[in-house]
PDB file of N, CA and C in Angstrom:
ATOM      1  N   UNK A   1      96.139  81.371 106.946  1.00  0.00           N
ATOM      2  CA  UNK A   1      94.845  81.933 106.609  1.00  0.00           C
ATOM      3  C   UNK A   1      94.741  81.982 105.086  1.00  0.00           C
ATOM      4  N   UNK A   2      93.632  81.490 104.560  1.00  0.00           N
ATOM      5  CA  UNK A   2      93.409  81.489 103.118  1.00  0.00           C
ATOM      6  C   UNK A   2      93.154  82.889 102.587  1.00  0.00           C
ATOM      7  N   UNK A   3      93.351  83.058 101.288  1.00  0.00           N
ATOM      8  CA  UNK A   3      93.182  84.393 100.704  1.00  0.00           C
ATOM      9  C   UNK A   3      91.736  84.883 100.786  1.00  0.00           C
ATOM     10  N   UNK A   4      90.763  83.972 100.669  1.00  0.00           N
ATOM     11  CA  UNK A   4      89.358  84.390 100.793  1.00  0.00           C
ATOM     12  C   UNK A   4      89.039  84.838 102.211  1.00  0.00           C
ATOM     13  N   UNK A   5      89.588  84.129 103.183  1.00  0.00           N
ATOM     14  CA  UNK A   5      89.363  84.492 104.589  1.00  0.00           C
ATOM     15  C   UNK A   5      90.022  85.832 104.899  1.00  0.00           C
ATOM     16  N   UNK A   6      91.243  86.019 104.396  1.00  0.00           N
ATOM     17  CA  UNK A   6      91.969  87.277 104.580  1.00  0.00           C
ATOM     18  C   UNK A   6      91.173  88.434 103.965  1.00  0.00           C
ATOM     19  N   UNK A   7      90.699  88.230 102.731  1.00  0.00           N
ATOM     20  CA  UNK A   7      89.905  89.242 102.037  1.00  0.00           C
ATOM     21  C   UNK A   7      88.671  89.603 102.855  1.00  0.00           C
ATOM     22  N   UNK A   8      87.975  88.587 103.341  1.00  0.00           N
ATOM     23  CA  UNK A   8      86.756  88.790 104.114  1.00  0.00           C
ATOM     24  C   UNK A   8      87.020  89.588 105.391  1.00  0.00           C
ATOM     25  N   UNK A   9      88.095  89.262 106.101  1.00  0.00           N
ATOM     26  CA  UNK A   9      88.429  89.979 107.337  1.00  0.00           C
ATOM     27  C   UNK A   9      88.730  91.453 107.055  1.00  0.00           C
ATOM     28  N   UNK A  10      89.526  91.704 106.021  1.00  0.00           N
ATOM     29  CA  UNK A  10      89.898  93.091 105.719  1.00  0.00           C
ATOM     30  C   UNK A  10      88.673  93.893 105.275  1.00  0.00           C
ATOM     31  N   UNK A  11      87.851  93.317 104.415  1.00  0.00           N
ATOM     32  CA  UNK A  11      86.626  94.008 103.975  1.00  0.00           C
ATOM     33  C   UNK A  11      85.722  94.297 105.167  1.00  0.00           C
ATOM     34  N   UNK A  12      85.541  93.326 106.057  1.00  0.00           N
ATOM     35  CA  UNK A  12      84.698  93.540 107.246  1.00  0.00           C
ATOM     36  C   UNK A  12      85.226  94.684 108.094  1.00  0.00           C
ATOM     37  N   UNK A  13      86.531  94.739 108.298  1.00  0.00           N
ATOM     38  CA  UNK A  13      87.121  95.831 109.080  1.00  0.00           C
ATOM     39  C   UNK A  13      86.896  97.174 108.392  1.00  0.00           C
ATOM     40  N   UNK A  14      87.064  97.212 107.075  1.00  0.00           N
ATOM     41  CA  UNK A  14      86.836  98.457 106.343  1.00  0.00           C
ATOM     42  C   UNK A  14      85.367  98.873 106.430  1.00  0.00           C
ATOM     43  N   UNK A  15      84.457  97.906 106.372  1.00  0.00           N
ATOM     44  CA  UNK A  15      83.028  98.221 106.501  1.00  0.00           C
ATOM     45  C   UNK A  15      82.713  98.781 107.883  1.00  0.00           C
ATOM     46  N   UNK A  16      83.264  98.167 108.922  1.00  0.00           N
ATOM     47  CA  UNK A  16      83.048  98.679 110.283  1.00  0.00           C
ATOM     48  C   UNK A  16      83.620 100.088 110.425  1.00  0.00           C
ATOM     49  N   UNK A  17      84.822 100.302 109.898  1.00  0.00           N
ATOM     50  CA  UNK A  17      85.449 101.622 109.976  1.00  0.00           C
ATOM     51  C   UNK A  17      84.593 102.664 109.253  1.00  0.00           C
ATOM     52  N   UNK A  18      84.069 102.314 108.107  1.00  0.00           N
ATOM     53  CA  UNK A  18      83.219 103.241 107.355  1.00  0.00           C
ATOM     54  C   UNK A  18      81.965 103.590 108.146  1.00  0.00           C
ATOM     55  N   UNK A  19      81.303 102.562 108.690  1.00  0.00           N
ATOM     56  CA  UNK A  19      80.074 102.795 109.455  1.00  0.00           C
ATOM     57  C   UNK A  19      80.330 103.607 110.720  1.00  0.00           C
ATOM     58  N   UNK A  20      81.534 103.468 111.281  1.00  0.00           N
ATOM     59  CA  UNK A  20      81.896 104.206 112.494  1.00  0.00           C
ATOM     60  C   UNK A  20      82.422 105.608 112.177  1.00  0.00           C
ATOM     61  N   UNK A  21      82.470 105.966 110.892  1.00  0.00           N
ATOM     62  CA  UNK A  21      82.984 107.274 110.506  1.00  0.00           C
ATOM     63  C   UNK A  21      84.490 107.374 110.614  1.00  0.00           C
ATOM     64  N   UNK A  22      85.170 106.247 110.559  1.00  0.00           N
ATOM     65  CA  UNK A  22      86.627 106.202 110.728  1.00  0.00           C
ATOM     66  C   UNK A  22      87.351 105.885 109.425  1.00  0.00           C
ATOM     67  N   UNK A  23      86.666 106.076 108.294  1.00  0.00           N
ATOM     68  CA  UNK A  23      87.277 105.815 107.002  1.00  0.00           C
ATOM     69  C   UNK A  23      86.853 106.884 106.013  1.00  0.00           C
ATOM     70  N   UNK A  24      87.767 107.268 105.148  1.00  0.00           N
ATOM     71  CA  UNK A  24      87.460 108.189 104.055  1.00  0.00           C
ATOM     72  C   UNK A  24      87.848 107.504 102.751  1.00  0.00           C
ATOM     73  N   UNK A  25      87.239 107.950 101.665  1.00  0.00           N
ATOM     74  CA  UNK A  25      87.597 107.394 100.368  1.00  0.00           C
ATOM     75  C   UNK A  25      87.782 108.526  99.372  1.00  0.00           C
ATOM     76  N   UNK A  26      88.602 108.267  98.383  1.00  0.00           N
ATOM     77  CA  UNK A  26      88.882 109.264  97.360  1.00  0.00           C
ATOM     78  C   UNK A  26      90.203 109.964  97.618  1.00  0.00           C
ATOM     79  N   UNK A  27      90.826 110.364  96.543  1.00  0.00           N
ATOM     80  CA  UNK A  27      92.145 110.992  96.623  1.00  0.00           C
ATOM     81  C   UNK A  27      92.111 112.279  97.432  1.00  0.00           C
ATOM     82  N   UNK A  28      91.183 113.173  97.120  1.00  0.00           N
ATOM     83  CA  UNK A  28      91.147 114.475  97.801  1.00  0.00           C
ATOM     84  C   UNK A  28      90.883 114.335  99.299  1.00  0.00           C
ATOM     85  N   UNK A  29      89.941 113.471  99.672  1.00  0.00           N
ATOM     86  CA  UNK A  29      89.634 113.269 101.096  1.00  0.00           C
ATOM     87  C   UNK A  29      90.834 112.682 101.828  1.00  0.00           C
ATOM     88  N   UNK A  30      91.512 111.741 101.196  1.00  0.00           N
ATOM     89  CA  UNK A  30      92.678 111.134 101.846  1.00  0.00           C
ATOM     90  C   UNK A  30      93.831 112.126 101.960  1.00  0.00           C
ATOM     91  N   UNK A  31      94.046 112.930 100.912  1.00  0.00           N
ATOM     92  CA  UNK A  31      95.101 113.947 100.985  1.00  0.00           C
ATOM     93  C   UNK A  31      94.805 114.961 102.088  1.00  0.00           C
ATOM     94  N   UNK A  32      93.548 115.386 102.189  1.00  0.00           N
ATOM     95  CA  UNK A  32      93.155 116.346 103.236  1.00  0.00           C
ATOM     96  C   UNK A  32      93.424 115.769 104.624  1.00  0.00           C
ATOM     97  N   UNK A  33      92.975 114.528 104.854  1.00  0.00           N
ATOM     98  CA  UNK A  33      93.172 113.923 106.169  1.00  0.00           C
ATOM     99  C   UNK A  33      94.635 113.577 106.424  1.00  0.00           C
ATOM    100  N   UNK A  34      95.390 113.292 105.379  1.00  0.00           N
ATOM    101  CA  UNK A  34      96.827 113.063 105.534  1.00  0.00           C
ATOM    102  C   UNK A  34      97.507 114.357 105.987  1.00  0.00           C
ATOM    103  N   UNK A  35      97.154 115.480 105.337  1.00  0.00           N
ATOM    104  CA  UNK A  35      97.710 116.782 105.721  1.00  0.00           C
ATOM    105  C   UNK A  35      97.335 117.158 107.157  1.00  0.00           C
ATOM    106  N   UNK A  36      96.132 116.784 107.572  1.00  0.00           N
ATOM    107  CA  UNK A  36      95.661 117.098 108.926  1.00  0.00           C
ATOM    108  C   UNK A  36      96.089 116.059 109.957  1.00  0.00           C
ATOM    109  N   UNK A  37      96.907 115.113 109.513  1.00  0.00           N
ATOM    110  CA  UNK A  37      97.457 114.090 110.411  1.00  0.00           C
ATOM    111  C   UNK A  37      96.364 113.202 111.010  1.00  0.00           C
ATOM    112  N   UNK A  38      95.318 112.917 110.232  1.00  0.00           N
ATOM    113  CA  UNK A  38      94.194 112.117 110.723  1.00  0.00           C
ATOM    114  C   UNK A  38      94.225 110.664 110.271  1.00  0.00           C
ATOM    115  N   UNK A  39      95.128 110.305 109.363  1.00  0.00           N
ATOM    116  CA  UNK A  39      95.134 108.942 108.832  1.00  0.00           C
ATOM    117  C   UNK A  39      96.126 108.048 109.560  1.00  0.00           C
ATOM    118  N   UNK A  40      95.721 106.794 109.735  1.00  0.00           N
ATOM    119  CA  UNK A  40      96.587 105.779 110.350  1.00  0.00           C
ATOM    120  C   UNK A  40      97.018 104.735 109.331  1.00  0.00           C
ATOM    121  N   UNK A  41      96.293 104.658 108.202  1.00  0.00           N
ATOM    122  CA  UNK A  41      96.601 103.689 107.148  1.00  0.00           C
ATOM    123  C   UNK A  41      95.953 104.159 105.850  1.00  0.00           C
ATOM    124  N   UNK A  42      96.684 103.979 104.750  1.00  0.00           N
ATOM    125  CA  UNK A  42      96.142 104.269 103.426  1.00  0.00           C
ATOM    126  C   UNK A  42      96.122 102.959 102.642  1.00  0.00           C
ATOM    127  N   UNK A  43      94.968 102.654 102.070  1.00  0.00           N
ATOM    128  CA  UNK A  43      94.818 101.463 101.235  1.00  0.00           C
ATOM    129  C   UNK A  43      94.618 101.947  99.802  1.00  0.00           C
ATOM    130  N   UNK A  44      95.504 101.504  98.923  1.00  0.00           N
ATOM    131  CA  UNK A  44      95.430 101.874  97.511  1.00  0.00           C
ATOM    132  C   UNK A  44      95.121 100.620  96.707  1.00  0.00           C
ATOM    133  N   UNK A  45      94.039 100.658  95.951  1.00  0.00           N
ATOM    134  CA  UNK A  45      93.675  99.513  95.110  1.00  0.00           C
ATOM    135  C   UNK A  45      94.787  99.260  94.094  1.00  0.00           C
ATOM    136  N   UNK A  46      94.986  97.996  93.786  1.00  0.00           N
ATOM    137  CA  UNK A  46      96.077  97.607  92.895  1.00  0.00           C
ATOM    138  C   UNK A  46      95.928  98.168  91.488  1.00  0.00           C
ATOM    139  N   UNK A  47      94.713  98.475  91.062  1.00  0.00           N
ATOM    140  CA  UNK A  47      94.504  98.991  89.712  1.00  0.00           C
ATOM    141  C   UNK A  47      94.356 100.518  89.667  1.00  0.00           C
ATOM    142  N   UNK A  48      94.787 101.182  90.720  1.00  0.00           N
ATOM    143  CA  UNK A  48      94.771 102.649  90.757  1.00  0.00           C
ATOM    144  C   UNK A  48      95.871 103.173  89.843  1.00  0.00           C
ATOM    145  N   UNK A  49      95.611 104.268  89.157  1.00  0.00           N
ATOM    146  CA  UNK A  49      96.590 104.813  88.206  1.00  0.00           C
ATOM    147  C   UNK A  49      97.877 105.215  88.925  1.00  0.00           C
ATOM    148  N   UNK A  50      98.985 105.086  88.201  1.00  0.00           N
ATOM    149  CA  UNK A  50     100.283 105.448  88.773  1.00  0.00           C
ATOM    150  C   UNK A  50     100.336 106.927  89.146  1.00  0.00           C
ATOM    151  N   UNK A  51      99.639 107.774  88.389  1.00  0.00           N
ATOM    152  CA  UNK A  51      99.591 109.208  88.692  1.00  0.00           C
ATOM    153  C   UNK A  51      98.966 109.448  90.074  1.00  0.00           C
ATOM    154  N   UNK A  52      97.875 108.756  90.358  1.00  0.00           N
ATOM    155  CA  UNK A  52      97.201 108.898  91.654  1.00  0.00           C
ATOM    156  C   UNK A  52      98.056 108.330  92.779  1.00  0.00           C
ATOM    157  N   UNK A  53      98.662 107.182  92.540  1.00  0.00           N
ATOM    158  CA  UNK A  53      99.546 106.585  93.546  1.00  0.00           C
ATOM    159  C   UNK A  53     100.682 107.552  93.865  1.00  0.00           C
ATOM    160  N   UNK A  54     101.264 108.152  92.828  1.00  0.00           N
ATOM    161  CA  UNK A  54     102.364 109.103  93.024  1.00  0.00           C
ATOM    162  C   UNK A  54     101.905 110.318  93.818  1.00  0.00           C
ATOM    163  N   UNK A  55     100.709 110.809  93.540  1.00  0.00           N
ATOM    164  CA  UNK A  55     100.168 111.952  94.300  1.00  0.00           C
ATOM    165  C   UNK A  55     100.114 111.654  95.791  1.00  0.00           C
ATOM    166  N   UNK A  56      99.631 110.459  96.128  1.00  0.00           N
ATOM    167  CA  UNK A  56      99.508 110.078  97.536  1.00  0.00           C
ATOM    168  C   UNK A  56     100.883 109.865  98.164  1.00  0.00           C
ATOM    169  N   UNK A  57     101.746 109.116  97.493  1.00  0.00           N
ATOM    170  CA  UNK A  57     103.064 108.823  98.078  1.00  0.00           C
ATOM    171  C   UNK A  57     103.924 110.079  98.166  1.00  0.00           C
ATOM    172  N   UNK A  58     103.844 110.957  97.165  1.00  0.00           N
ATOM    173  CA  UNK A  58     104.602 112.210  97.229  1.00  0.00           C
ATOM    174  C   UNK A  58     104.135 113.069  98.399  1.00  0.00           C
ATOM    175  N   UNK A  59     102.820 113.169  98.591  1.00  0.00           N
ATOM    176  CA  UNK A  59     102.287 113.960  99.712  1.00  0.00           C
ATOM    177  C   UNK A  59     102.757 113.380 101.038  1.00  0.00           C
ATOM    178  N   UNK A  60     102.710 112.065 101.158  1.00  0.00           N
ATOM    179  CA  UNK A  60     103.161 111.429 102.400  1.00  0.00           C
ATOM    180  C   UNK A  60     104.634 111.723 102.645  1.00  0.00           C
ATOM    181  N   UNK A  61     105.454 111.654 101.601  1.00  0.00           N
ATOM    182  CA  UNK A  61     106.885 111.909 101.755  1.00  0.00           C
ATOM    183  C   UNK A  61     107.172 113.372 102.080  1.00  0.00           C
ATOM    184  N   UNK A  62     106.479 114.294 101.422  1.00  0.00           N
ATOM    185  CA  UNK A  62     106.678 115.724 101.693  1.00  0.00           C
ATOM    186  C   UNK A  62     106.309 116.047 103.136  1.00  0.00           C
ATOM    187  N   UNK A  63     105.234 115.438 103.616  1.00  0.00           N
ATOM    188  CA  UNK A  63     104.787 115.670 104.995  1.00  0.00           C
ATOM    189  C   UNK A  63     105.606 114.886 106.010  1.00  0.00           C
ATOM    190  N   UNK A  64     106.527 114.062 105.506  1.00  0.00           N
ATOM    191  CA  UNK A  64     107.350 113.198 106.366  1.00  0.00           C
ATOM    192  C   UNK A  64     106.468 112.367 107.286  1.00  0.00           C
ATOM    193  N   UNK A  65     105.399 111.868 106.718  1.00  0.00           N
ATOM    194  CA  UNK A  65     104.432 111.072 107.469  1.00  0.00           C
ATOM    195  C   UNK A  65     104.865 109.607 107.501  1.00  0.00           C
ATOM    196  N   UNK A  66     104.560 108.953 108.603  1.00  0.00           N
ATOM    197  CA  UNK A  66     104.872 107.526 108.747  1.00  0.00           C
ATOM    198  C   UNK A  66     103.642 106.655 108.496  1.00  0.00           C
ATOM    199  N   UNK A  67     102.594 107.236 107.922  1.00  0.00           N
ATOM    200  CA  UNK A  67     101.371 106.475 107.661  1.00  0.00           C
ATOM    201  C   UNK A  67     101.688 105.357 106.667  1.00  0.00           C
ATOM    202  N   UNK A  68     101.414 104.097 107.054  1.00  0.00           N
ATOM    203  CA  UNK A  68     101.677 103.002 106.122  1.00  0.00           C
ATOM    204  C   UNK A  68     100.719 103.021 104.937  1.00  0.00           C
ATOM    205  N   UNK A  69     101.226 102.553 103.808  1.00  0.00           N
ATOM    206  CA  UNK A  69     100.419 102.418 102.596  1.00  0.00           C
ATOM    207  C   UNK A  69     100.479 100.959 102.168  1.00  0.00           C
ATOM    208  N   UNK A  70      99.299 100.386 101.885  1.00  0.00           N
ATOM    209  CA  UNK A  70      99.269  99.037 101.330  1.00  0.00           C
ATOM    210  C   UNK A  70      98.545  99.072  99.993  1.00  0.00           C
ATOM    211  N   UNK A  71      98.970  98.216  99.079  1.00  0.00           N
ATOM    212  CA  UNK A  71      98.301  98.049  97.782  1.00  0.00           C
ATOM    213  C   UNK A  71      97.527  96.752  97.874  1.00  0.00           C
ATOM    214  N   UNK A  72      96.199  96.847  97.713  1.00  0.00           N
ATOM    215  CA  UNK A  72      95.373  95.656  97.926  1.00  0.00           C
ATOM    216  C   UNK A  72      94.029  95.796  97.244  1.00  0.00           C
ATOM    217  N   UNK A  73      93.557  94.745  96.638  1.00  0.00           N
ATOM    218  CA  UNK A  73      92.229  94.721  96.040  1.00  0.00           C
ATOM    219  C   UNK A  73      92.144  95.539  94.758  1.00  0.00           C
ATOM    220  N   UNK A  74      90.955  95.569  94.190  1.00  0.00           N
ATOM    221  CA  UNK A  74      90.707  96.396  93.006  1.00  0.00           C
ATOM    222  C   UNK A  74      89.702  97.485  93.364  1.00  0.00           C
ATOM    223  N   UNK A  75      89.695  98.526  92.563  1.00  0.00           N
ATOM    224  CA  UNK A  75      88.765  99.631  92.815  1.00  0.00           C
ATOM    225  C   UNK A  75      87.324  99.139  92.840  1.00  0.00           C
ATOM    226  N   UNK A  76      86.970  98.327  91.872  1.00  0.00           N
ATOM    227  CA  UNK A  76      85.586  97.861  91.762  1.00  0.00           C
ATOM    228  C   UNK A  76      85.181  97.009  92.957  1.00  0.00           C
ATOM    229  N   UNK A  77      86.032  96.035  93.338  1.00  0.00           N
ATOM    230  CA  UNK A  77      85.633  95.145  94.433  1.00  0.00           C
ATOM    231  C   UNK A  77      85.605  95.871  95.771  1.00  0.00           C
ATOM    232  N   UNK A  78      86.559  96.754  96.021  1.00  0.00           N
ATOM    233  CA  UNK A  78      86.575  97.477  97.294  1.00  0.00           C
ATOM    234  C   UNK A  78      85.400  98.448  97.384  1.00  0.00           C
ATOM    235  N   UNK A  79      85.218  99.248  96.340  1.00  0.00           N
ATOM    236  CA  UNK A  79      84.129 100.234  96.345  1.00  0.00           C
ATOM    237  C   UNK A  79      82.773  99.554  96.454  1.00  0.00           C
ATOM    238  N   UNK A  80      82.600  98.479  95.720  1.00  0.00           N
ATOM    239  CA  UNK A  80      81.338  97.737  95.744  1.00  0.00           C
ATOM    240  C   UNK A  80      81.066  97.151  97.126  1.00  0.00           C
ATOM    241  N   UNK A  81      82.084  96.541  97.724  1.00  0.00           N
ATOM    242  CA  UNK A  81      81.924  95.933  99.050  1.00  0.00           C
ATOM    243  C   UNK A  81      81.607  96.974 100.116  1.00  0.00           C
ATOM    244  N   UNK A  82      82.075  98.208  99.897  1.00  0.00           N
ATOM    245  CA  UNK A  82      81.862  99.270 100.874  1.00  0.00           C
ATOM    246  C   UNK A  82      80.641 100.127 100.545  1.00  0.00           C
ATOM    247  N   UNK A  83      79.992  99.850  99.426  1.00  0.00           N
ATOM    248  CA  UNK A  83      78.822 100.629  99.035  1.00  0.00           C
ATOM    249  C   UNK A  83      79.159 102.058  98.667  1.00  0.00           C
ATOM    250  N   UNK A  84      80.307 102.247  98.029  1.00  0.00           N
ATOM    251  CA  UNK A  84      80.778 103.578  97.667  1.00  0.00           C
ATOM    252  C   UNK A  84      80.935 103.703  96.158  1.00  0.00           C
ATOM    253  N   UNK A  85      80.939 104.947  95.648  1.00  0.00           N
ATOM    254  CA  UNK A  85      81.285 105.136  94.234  1.00  0.00           C
ATOM    255  C   UNK A  85      82.716 104.623  94.001  1.00  0.00           C
ATOM    256  N   UNK A  86      83.033 104.291  92.772  1.00  0.00           N
ATOM    257  CA  UNK A  86      84.350 103.738  92.452  1.00  0.00           C
ATOM    258  C   UNK A  86      85.457 104.682  92.925  1.00  0.00           C
ATOM    259  N   UNK A  87      86.374 104.124  93.690  1.00  0.00           N
ATOM    260  CA  UNK A  87      87.530 104.855  94.199  1.00  0.00           C
ATOM    261  C   UNK A  87      88.678 103.873  94.363  1.00  0.00           C
ATOM    262  N   UNK A  88      89.888 104.385  94.280  1.00  0.00           N
ATOM    263  CA  UNK A  88      91.053 103.525  94.457  1.00  0.00           C
ATOM    264  C   UNK A  88      91.840 103.842  95.702  1.00  0.00           C
ATOM    265  N   UNK A  89      91.425 104.870  96.449  1.00  0.00           N
ATOM    266  CA  UNK A  89      92.167 105.312  97.627  1.00  0.00           C
ATOM    267  C   UNK A  89      91.223 105.336  98.825  1.00  0.00           C
ATOM    268  N   UNK A  90      91.661 104.685  99.898  1.00  0.00           N
ATOM    269  CA  UNK A  90      90.867 104.620 101.125  1.00  0.00           C
ATOM    270  C   UNK A  90      91.782 104.920 102.307  1.00  0.00           C
ATOM    271  N   UNK A  91      91.303 105.733 103.226  1.00  0.00           N
ATOM    272  CA  UNK A  91      92.089 106.070 104.408  1.00  0.00           C
ATOM    273  C   UNK A  91      91.379 105.632 105.674  1.00  0.00           C
ATOM    274  N   UNK A  92      92.114 104.943 106.536  1.00  0.00           N
ATOM    275  CA  UNK A  92      91.575 104.523 107.830  1.00  0.00           C
ATOM    276  C   UNK A  92      92.070 105.529 108.871  1.00  0.00           C
ATOM    277  N   UNK A  93      91.136 106.087 109.641  1.00  0.00           N
ATOM    278  CA  UNK A  93      91.468 107.142 110.603  1.00  0.00           C
ATOM    279  C   UNK A  93      91.609 106.648 112.036  1.00  0.00           C
ATOM    280  N   UNK A  94      91.351 105.391 112.277  1.00  0.00           N
ATOM    281  CA  UNK A  94      91.405 104.838 113.632  1.00  0.00           C
ATOM    282  C   UNK A  94      92.590 103.877 113.743  1.00  0.00           C
ATOM    283  N   UNK A  95      93.391 104.043 114.777  1.00  0.00           N
ATOM    284  CA  UNK A  95      94.582 103.217 114.961  1.00  0.00           C
ATOM    285  C   UNK A  95      94.295 101.744 115.152  1.00  0.00           C
ATOM    286  N   UNK A  96      93.215 101.415 115.862  1.00  0.00           N
ATOM    287  CA  UNK A  96      92.901 100.001 116.092  1.00  0.00           C
ATOM    288  C   UNK A  96      92.422  99.320 114.812  1.00  0.00           C
ATOM    289  N   UNK A  97      91.571  99.985 114.050  1.00  0.00           N
ATOM    290  CA  UNK A  97      91.146  99.428 112.764  1.00  0.00           C
ATOM    291  C   UNK A  97      92.361  99.243 111.851  1.00  0.00           C
ATOM    292  N   UNK A  98      93.216 100.267 111.808  1.00  0.00           N
ATOM    293  CA  UNK A  98      94.402 100.208 110.950  1.00  0.00           C
ATOM    294  C   UNK A  98      95.318  99.054 111.346  1.00  0.00           C
ATOM    295  N   UNK A  99      95.536  98.879 112.641  1.00  0.00           N
ATOM    296  CA  UNK A  99      96.412  97.810 113.120  1.00  0.00           C
ATOM    297  C   UNK A  99      95.868  96.434 112.741  1.00  0.00           C
ATOM    298  N   UNK A 100      94.563  96.242 112.862  1.00  0.00           N
ATOM    299  CA  UNK A 100      93.961  94.952 112.510  1.00  0.00           C
ATOM    300  C   UNK A 100      94.029  94.697 111.004  1.00  0.00           C
ATOM    301  N   UNK A 101      93.780  95.722 110.195  1.00  0.00           N
ATOM    302  CA  UNK A 101      93.890  95.557 108.744  1.00  0.00           C
ATOM    303  C   UNK A 101      95.321  95.158 108.388  1.00  0.00           C
ATOM    304  N   UNK A 102      96.304  95.839 108.967  1.00  0.00           N
ATOM    305  CA  UNK A 102      97.706  95.510 108.699  1.00  0.00           C
ATOM    306  C   UNK A 102      98.044  94.093 109.147  1.00  0.00           C
ATOM    307  N   UNK A 103      97.482  93.682 110.268  1.00  0.00           N
ATOM    308  CA  UNK A 103      97.721  92.329 110.780  1.00  0.00           C
ATOM    309  C   UNK A 103      97.205  91.284 109.781  1.00  0.00           C
ATOM    310  N   UNK A 104      95.974  91.454 109.319  1.00  0.00           N
ATOM    311  CA  UNK A 104      95.418  90.499 108.348  1.00  0.00           C
ATOM    312  C   UNK A 104      96.137  90.583 107.004  1.00  0.00           C
ATOM    313  N   UNK A 105      96.513  91.779 106.596  1.00  0.00           N
ATOM    314  CA  UNK A 105      97.209  91.969 105.325  1.00  0.00           C
ATOM    315  C   UNK A 105      98.562  91.253 105.337  1.00  0.00           C
ATOM    316  N   UNK A 106      99.235  91.289 106.473  1.00  0.00           N
ATOM    317  CA  UNK A 106     100.580  90.704 106.592  1.00  0.00           C
ATOM    318  C   UNK A 106     100.561  89.187 106.703  1.00  0.00           C
ATOM    319  N   UNK A 107      99.442  88.608 107.105  1.00  0.00           N
ATOM    320  CA  UNK A 107      99.377  87.140 107.293  1.00  0.00           C
ATOM    321  C   UNK A 107      98.870  86.417 106.072  1.00  0.00           C
TER     322      UNK A 107
END
């Protein structure tokens, strides 16, 4: 699968998840849902600050959560494609959406 096709599939899944109310964006929203055990996948944009990345990974480790984290895309391209204000952290709350994103990300 080409990188453009992979990008398109992942963005489409994130758009569907957002429209279905199965996605959150922003550090605080993701931390809240991580604490409440509502996240199935965390997507961190590659240009997100190390301080923010550390906040998310530290919280996941403290909570002993097995939620996978992937680094993918840029804040501008992801936020723009999703019609959201600029953010570098996105959480998928649905297991099926998360599994498909991971499948495309891995291929």
